[in-house]
Amino acid sequence: MPTNQDPQQVSARLGRRRFLSQSSAVVATAAFASVGASRAFAQAPTAGEFTLPALPYGYDALNPIIDTQTMTIHHTKHHQGYVNNLNKAVASEPSLAGKTVEELLRNLDRVPESVRTAVRNHGGGHANHSLFWKVMQPTGAASSPTGKLASAVESAFGSLSNMKEAFSKAAGSQFGSGWAWLVVGESDKLEIVATPNQDNPMLMGKTPVLGLDVWEHAYYLKYQNRRADYIEAFWKVVHWDQVAKNYAQAVA
């Protein structure tokens, strides 16, 4: 550099160079960030339409049959997890947009194979728990079915006692994780079935009206390995009026 240049001019030129260099770096960084954000957005599935239903009672309402901690974890962690994963599966297949969980489960063979297992597991988990919360209520309410439901129970099983015995046997003998169900089957007749994992009776063309979750997360904090005690206690919180509504809708 010539030594006779004005120092102020030299300083100005150096300042402009630094500015241009810094500006180029900012633009490059912004462009990279924009590409990264676009890629992240493209990889993240669009939020689905399924949501976690609110409980019709407080987390402590079913004490001492089902403890507060179990209810809280079961609802906010397990059920929420099924909702989240169902939404991811549905978001990845545009052909499933707008379908209810009932439509998905009753027509599982039409669900794209790429997400069929996810819909079966997480859609089942969402449907199962959504019914489960509703068919329970705090103790002290109606302890037996009435009206058309009572007549249907009598016709199918001979007595409420027989129905409870058959249901409890199905729940107790389910190997590993699963559910016991009172369902409306062929000719609108009540039946009892058990399903593994999060399978819903709708997969068999049946409509559940009462269900009991026998996954260990549903009872282990309070009952440990005593599943039979949990099943027996369940009858104290069954919401028979809701079961009757479920039955009426199923046979309508």
Foldseek 3Di string as FASTA:
>chain_A
DDPPDDPVVVVVVVVVVVVVVVVVVVVVVVVVVVVVVVVVVVPQFDFADDDQDDFPDALCQAPPLFHSVLSCCCRPPVLRVLRRLLRRLCSVPVVNHPDDLLVCLLPLVPRPPVCSVSSQQSSLSNVQVVLASVQFGHFDDDLDADDPVQVLCCVQQVHPVRVLVVQLVQLVPPPAWWKWFFWQDPPRHTDIHIDHRSGDCSNVVIFGLYMDTNHCSNPCVPQNPPSSSSSVSRSRTGNNVSSVVSSVVRVD
